[in-house]
Amino acid sequence: MTKNQFNDELEFNYEKLYKFIFSIVKNMISCDDVIMETIISALEHRKQLKDDSKFKSWIFQIAKRESVNYLVKNKREIPNGHLDKELMSEELSIEKKYINGETEKRMYDAILELDSVDQYILHYKYYCEMTFDEISKTLHLNVNTVKTRNKRALEKIKRILERNDNE
């Protein structure tokens, strides 16, 4: 992969990559540090990428590794979390903020009941907008396994939410 191709791919995926890293480190300053480490690492190893079509999953793997390394190095808790969307979105009315916060908390709690692989699949699919094929390459799983786990995870979340509504 040439530098120009690398720059084009990075520019195309930068916003999603930034959101992904932010969802892990939960801090804009830390996110800036991690994204720079990710880019430096990717640049240093860009010749190792044999198939340019796998750039997105490759860079997200590097970002995940660098994010966890950053948290470990700085002795911060590794969150199972989600992006604080209010930092990344337009201003909302107080009512909408409350409703969105409650809905997000319910979803977040339901997602935390899933196993970690299912959490990653949902995060990659619906937050990072990765395809099932990209997710399968990132997690080293069969694409059909990813599709099945995604469907089952959504069904589990629905059951959890219904159960919690009835309590």
C-alpha atoms as a PDB file:
ATOM      1  CA  MET A   1       0.000   0.000   0.000  1.00  0.00           C
ATOM      2  CA  THR A   2       1.442   3.348  -1.015  1.00  0.00           C
ATOM      3  CA  LYS A   3       1.407   6.402   1.233  1.00  0.00           C
ATOM      4  CA  ASN A   4      -1.237   8.060  -0.938  1.00  0.00           C
ATOM      5  CA  GLN A   5      -3.494   4.991  -0.780  1.00  0.00           C
ATOM      6  CA  PHE A   6      -2.941   4.827   2.967  1.00  0.00           C
ATOM      7  CA  ASN A   7      -3.845   8.511   3.367  1.00  0.00           C
ATOM      8  CA  ASP A   8      -6.987   8.117   1.263  1.00  0.00           C
ATOM      9  CA  GLU A   9      -8.170   5.081   3.228  1.00  0.00           C
ATOM     10  CA  LEU A  10      -7.352   6.748   6.544  1.00  0.00           C
ATOM     11  CA  GLU A  11      -9.204   9.908   5.573  1.00  0.00           C
ATOM     12  CA  PHE A  12     -12.231   7.864   4.514  1.00  0.00           C
ATOM     13  CA  ASN A  13     -12.315   5.921   7.828  1.00  0.00           C
ATOM     14  CA  TYR A  14     -11.021   8.622  10.208  1.00  0.00           C
ATOM     15  CA  GLU A  15     -14.338   9.716  11.740  1.00  0.00           C
ATOM     16  CA  LYS A  16     -15.469   6.153  12.494  1.00  0.00           C
ATOM     17  CA  LEU A  17     -12.026   5.318  13.837  1.00  0.00           C
ATOM     18  CA  TYR A  18     -12.091   8.365  16.109  1.00  0.00           C
ATOM     19  CA  LYS A  19     -15.548   7.465  17.447  1.00  0.00           C
ATOM     20  CA  PHE A  20     -14.438   3.879  18.013  1.00  0.00           C
ATOM     21  CA  ILE A  21     -11.367   4.928  20.008  1.00  0.00           C
ATOM     22  CA  PHE A  22     -13.375   7.504  21.958  1.00  0.00           C
ATOM     23  CA  SER A  23     -15.899   4.826  22.897  1.00  0.00           C
ATOM     24  CA  ILE A  24     -13.071   2.886  24.538  1.00  0.00           C
ATOM     25  CA  VAL A  25     -10.989   5.614  26.215  1.00  0.00           C
ATOM     26  CA  LYS A  26     -13.908   7.974  27.047  1.00  0.00           C
ATOM     27  CA  ASN A  27     -11.765  11.101  26.921  1.00  0.00           C
ATOM     28  CA  MET A  28     -11.080  13.439  24.005  1.00  0.00           C
ATOM     29  CA  ILE A  29      -7.478  14.165  24.974  1.00  0.00           C
ATOM     30  CA  SER A  30      -6.737  10.473  25.437  1.00  0.00           C
ATOM     31  CA  CYS A  31      -8.508   9.753  22.175  1.00  0.00           C
ATOM     32  CA  ASP A  32      -6.224  12.186  20.348  1.00  0.00           C
ATOM     33  CA  ASP A  33      -3.181  10.440  21.835  1.00  0.00           C
ATOM     34  CA  VAL A  34      -4.451   6.986  20.909  1.00  0.00           C
ATOM     35  CA  ILE A  35      -5.410   7.953  17.382  1.00  0.00           C
ATOM     36  CA  MET A  36      -1.911   9.309  16.805  1.00  0.00           C
ATOM     37  CA  GLU A  37      -0.382   6.091  18.165  1.00  0.00           C
ATOM     38  CA  THR A  38      -2.709   4.101  15.918  1.00  0.00           C
ATOM     39  CA  ILE A  39      -1.730   6.080  12.830  1.00  0.00           C
ATOM     40  CA  ILE A  40       1.980   5.852  13.652  1.00  0.00           C
ATOM     41  CA  SER A  41       1.752   2.095  14.201  1.00  0.00           C
ATOM     42  CA  ALA A  42      -0.265   1.641  11.004  1.00  0.00           C
ATOM     43  CA  LEU A  43       2.213   3.715   9.007  1.00  0.00           C
ATOM     44  CA  GLU A  44       5.144   1.737  10.357  1.00  0.00           C
ATOM     45  CA  HIS A  45       3.475  -1.559   9.436  1.00  0.00           C
ATOM     46  CA  ARG A  46       1.556  -0.602   6.287  1.00  0.00           C
ATOM     47  CA  LYS A  47       3.763  -2.830   4.150  1.00  0.00           C
ATOM     48  CA  GLN A  48       2.497  -5.834   6.145  1.00  0.00           C
ATOM     49  CA  LEU A  49      -1.037  -5.256   4.863  1.00  0.00           C
ATOM     50  CA  LYS A  50      -1.182  -7.638   1.917  1.00  0.00           C
ATOM     51  CA  ASP A  51      -4.767  -6.991   0.816  1.00  0.00           C
ATOM     52  CA  ASP A  52      -5.725  -3.309   0.585  1.00  0.00           C
ATOM     53  CA  SER A  53      -9.418  -4.205   0.756  1.00  0.00           C
ATOM     54  CA  LYS A  54      -8.877  -5.290   4.395  1.00  0.00           C
ATOM     55  CA  PHE A  55      -7.624  -1.856   5.463  1.00  0.00           C
ATOM     56  CA  LYS A  56     -10.657  -1.004   7.602  1.00  0.00           C
ATOM     57  CA  SER A  57     -10.599  -4.143   9.716  1.00  0.00           C
ATOM     58  CA  TRP A  58      -6.794  -3.934   9.944  1.00  0.00           C
ATOM     59  CA  ILE A  59      -6.776  -0.333  11.201  1.00  0.00           C
ATOM     60  CA  PHE A  60      -9.578  -1.053  13.678  1.00  0.00           C
ATOM     61  CA  GLN A  61      -7.570  -3.951  15.132  1.00  0.00           C
ATOM     62  CA  ILE A  62      -4.610  -1.618  15.587  1.00  0.00           C
ATOM     63  CA  ALA A  63      -6.888   1.009  17.169  1.00  0.00           C
ATOM     64  CA  LYS A  64      -8.342  -1.531  19.603  1.00  0.00           C
ATOM     65  CA  ARG A  65      -4.857  -2.716  20.602  1.00  0.00           C
ATOM     66  CA  GLU A  66      -3.546   0.832  21.030  1.00  0.00           C
ATOM     67  CA  SER A  67      -6.617   1.862  23.056  1.00  0.00           C
ATOM     68  CA  VAL A  68      -6.247  -1.019  25.475  1.00  0.00           C
ATOM     69  CA  ASN A  69      -2.475  -0.418  25.708  1.00  0.00           C
ATOM     70  CA  TYR A  70      -3.140   3.238  26.518  1.00  0.00           C
ATOM     71  CA  LEU A  71      -5.618   2.364  29.266  1.00  0.00           C
ATOM     72  CA  VAL A  72      -3.293  -0.240  30.764  1.00  0.00           C
ATOM     73  CA  LYS A  73      -0.299   2.094  30.599  1.00  0.00           C
ATOM     74  CA  ASN A  74      -2.272   4.828  32.311  1.00  0.00           C
ATOM     75  CA  LYS A  75      -3.854   2.348  34.757  1.00  0.00           C
ATOM     76  CA  ARG A  76      -7.384   3.239  33.830  1.00  0.00           C
ATOM     77  CA  GLU A  77     -10.283   0.840  33.911  1.00  0.00           C
ATOM     78  CA  ILE A  78     -11.085  -0.714  30.543  1.00  0.00           C
ATOM     79  CA  PRO A  79     -14.737   0.140  29.970  1.00  0.00           C
ATOM     80  CA  ASN A  80     -17.251  -2.158  28.332  1.00  0.00           C
ATOM     81  CA  GLY A  81     -18.850   1.055  27.389  1.00  0.00           C
ATOM     82  CA  HIS A  82     -20.406   3.206  24.842  1.00  0.00           C
ATOM     83  CA  LEU A  83     -19.695   6.605  23.398  1.00  0.00           C
ATOM     84  CA  ASP A  84     -21.122   9.559  25.279  1.00  0.00           C
ATOM     85  CA  LYS A  85     -23.191  10.683  22.336  1.00  0.00           C
ATOM     86  CA  GLU A  86     -24.000  14.028  23.877  1.00  0.00           C
ATOM     87  CA  LEU A  87     -20.370  15.050  23.399  1.00  0.00           C
ATOM     88  CA  MET A  88     -20.565  14.153  19.737  1.00  0.00           C
ATOM     89  CA  SER A  89     -24.066  15.360  18.871  1.00  0.00           C
ATOM     90  CA  GLU A  90     -26.042  18.555  18.567  1.00  0.00           C
ATOM     91  CA  GLU A  91     -27.594  20.116  21.645  1.00  0.00           C
ATOM     92  CA  LEU A  92     -30.815  18.412  22.662  1.00  0.00           C
ATOM     93  CA  SER A  93     -33.716  19.686  24.725  1.00  0.00           C
ATOM     94  CA  ILE A  94     -33.754  18.706  28.383  1.00  0.00           C
ATOM     95  CA  GLU A  95     -36.651  16.293  27.811  1.00  0.00           C
ATOM     96  CA  LYS A  96     -34.950  14.601  24.869  1.00  0.00           C
ATOM     97  CA  LYS A  97     -31.701  14.359  26.822  1.00  0.00           C
ATOM     98  CA  TYR A  98     -33.532  12.668  29.688  1.00  0.00           C
ATOM     99  CA  ILE A  99     -35.422  10.250  27.428  1.00  0.00           C
ATOM    100  CA  ASN A 100     -32.323   9.485  25.368  1.00  0.00           C
ATOM    101  CA  GLY A 101     -30.290   9.002  28.538  1.00  0.00           C
ATOM    102  CA  GLU A 102     -32.815   6.589  30.024  1.00  0.00           C
ATOM    103  CA  THR A 103     -33.146   4.650  26.764  1.00  0.00           C
ATOM    104  CA  GLU A 104     -29.393   4.510  26.313  1.00  0.00           C
ATOM    105  CA  LYS A 105     -28.905   3.340  29.892  1.00  0.00           C
ATOM    106  CA  ARG A 106     -31.457   0.543  29.430  1.00  0.00           C
ATOM    107  CA  MET A 107     -29.791  -0.544  26.178  1.00  0.00           C
ATOM    108  CA  TYR A 108     -26.340  -0.291  27.713  1.00  0.00           C
ATOM    109  CA  ASP A 109     -27.369  -2.419  30.699  1.00  0.00           C
ATOM    110  CA  ALA A 110     -28.936  -5.007  28.367  1.00  0.00           C
ATOM    111  CA  ILE A 111     -25.817  -5.122  26.187  1.00  0.00           C
ATOM    112  CA  LEU A 112     -23.628  -5.643  29.263  1.00  0.00           C
ATOM    113  CA  GLU A 113     -25.525  -8.874  29.923  1.00  0.00           C
ATOM    114  CA  LEU A 114     -24.216 -10.277  26.618  1.00  0.00           C
ATOM    115  CA  ASP A 115     -20.853 -11.976  26.339  1.00  0.00           C
ATOM    116  CA  SER A 116     -17.936  -9.833  25.172  1.00  0.00           C
ATOM    117  CA  VAL A 117     -17.810 -11.202  21.600  1.00  0.00           C
ATOM    118  CA  ASP A 118     -21.473 -10.328  21.073  1.00  0.00           C
ATOM    119  CA  GLN A 119     -20.832  -6.871  22.541  1.00  0.00           C
ATOM    120  CA  TYR A 120     -17.994  -6.327  20.049  1.00  0.00           C
ATOM    121  CA  ILE A 121     -20.124  -7.545  17.145  1.00  0.00           C
ATOM    122  CA  LEU A 122     -22.917  -5.117  18.005  1.00  0.00           C
ATOM    123  CA  HIS A 123     -20.460  -2.282  18.552  1.00  0.00           C
ATOM    124  CA  TYR A 124     -18.693  -2.855  15.245  1.00  0.00           C
ATOM    125  CA  LYS A 125     -21.949  -3.343  13.315  1.00  0.00           C
ATOM    126  CA  TYR A 126     -24.134  -0.562  14.641  1.00  0.00           C
ATOM    127  CA  TYR A 127     -21.700   1.976  15.973  1.00  0.00           C
ATOM    128  CA  CYS A 128     -18.720   1.623  13.655  1.00  0.00           C
ATOM    129  CA  GLU A 129     -20.947   0.685  10.705  1.00  0.00           C
ATOM    130  CA  MET A 130     -18.697  -2.199   9.699  1.00  0.00           C
ATOM    131  CA  THR A 131     -19.971  -4.924   7.393  1.00  0.00           C
ATOM    132  CA  PHE A 132     -20.308  -8.510   8.603  1.00  0.00           C
ATOM    133  CA  ASP A 133     -17.328  -9.399   6.435  1.00  0.00           C
ATOM    134  CA  GLU A 134     -15.172  -6.694   8.050  1.00  0.00           C
ATOM    135  CA  ILE A 135     -16.291  -7.775  11.511  1.00  0.00           C
ATOM    136  CA  SER A 136     -15.469 -11.401  10.752  1.00  0.00           C
ATOM    137  CA  LYS A 137     -11.952 -10.436   9.670  1.00  0.00           C
ATOM    138  CA  THR A 138     -11.448  -8.208  12.707  1.00  0.00           C
ATOM    139  CA  LEU A 139     -12.632 -10.833  15.196  1.00  0.00           C
ATOM    140  CA  HIS A 140     -11.227 -13.800  13.262  1.00  0.00           C
ATOM    141  CA  LEU A 141     -14.637 -15.482  13.047  1.00  0.00           C
ATOM    142  CA  ASN A 142     -16.551 -16.994  10.166  1.00  0.00           C
ATOM    143  CA  VAL A 143     -18.848 -14.433   8.531  1.00  0.00           C
ATOM    144  CA  ASN A 144     -21.888 -16.680   9.044  1.00  0.00           C
ATOM    145  CA  THR A 145     -21.009 -17.026  12.727  1.00  0.00           C
ATOM    146  CA  VAL A 146     -20.932 -13.230  13.012  1.00  0.00           C
ATOM    147  CA  LYS A 147     -24.347 -12.923  11.337  1.00  0.00           C
ATOM    148  CA  THR A 148     -25.853 -15.573  13.589  1.00  0.00           C
ATOM    149  CA  ARG A 149     -24.361 -14.097  16.750  1.00  0.00           C
ATOM    150  CA  ASN A 150     -25.600 -10.640  15.733  1.00  0.00           C
ATOM    151  CA  LYS A 151     -29.146 -11.913  15.249  1.00  0.00           C
ATOM    152  CA  ARG A 152     -29.126 -13.864  18.516  1.00  0.00           C
ATOM    153  CA  ALA A 153     -27.644 -10.922  20.417  1.00  0.00           C
ATOM    154  CA  LEU A 154     -30.432  -8.645  19.173  1.00  0.00           C
ATOM    155  CA  GLU A 155     -33.015 -11.238  20.209  1.00  0.00           C
ATOM    156  CA  LYS A 156     -31.387 -11.517  23.663  1.00  0.00           C
ATOM    157  CA  ILE A 157     -31.476  -7.741  24.082  1.00  0.00           C
ATOM    158  CA  LYS A 158     -35.151  -7.689  23.148  1.00  0.00           C
ATOM    159  CA  ARG A 159     -35.920 -10.402  25.733  1.00  0.00           C
ATOM    160  CA  ILE A 160     -33.868  -8.606  28.398  1.00  0.00           C
ATOM    161  CA  LEU A 161     -35.655  -5.308  27.764  1.00  0.00           C
ATOM    162  CA  GLU A 162     -39.075  -7.017  27.848  1.00  0.00           C
ATOM    163  CA  ARG A 163     -38.140  -8.817  31.068  1.00  0.00           C
ATOM    164  CA  ASN A 164     -37.009  -5.546  32.653  1.00  0.00           C
ATOM    165  CA  ASP A 165     -40.206  -3.785  31.552  1.00  0.00           C
ATOM    166  CA  ASN A 166     -42.277  -6.468  33.276  1.00  0.00           C
ATOM    167  CA  GLU A 167     -40.400  -6.225  36.552  1.00  0.00           C
END
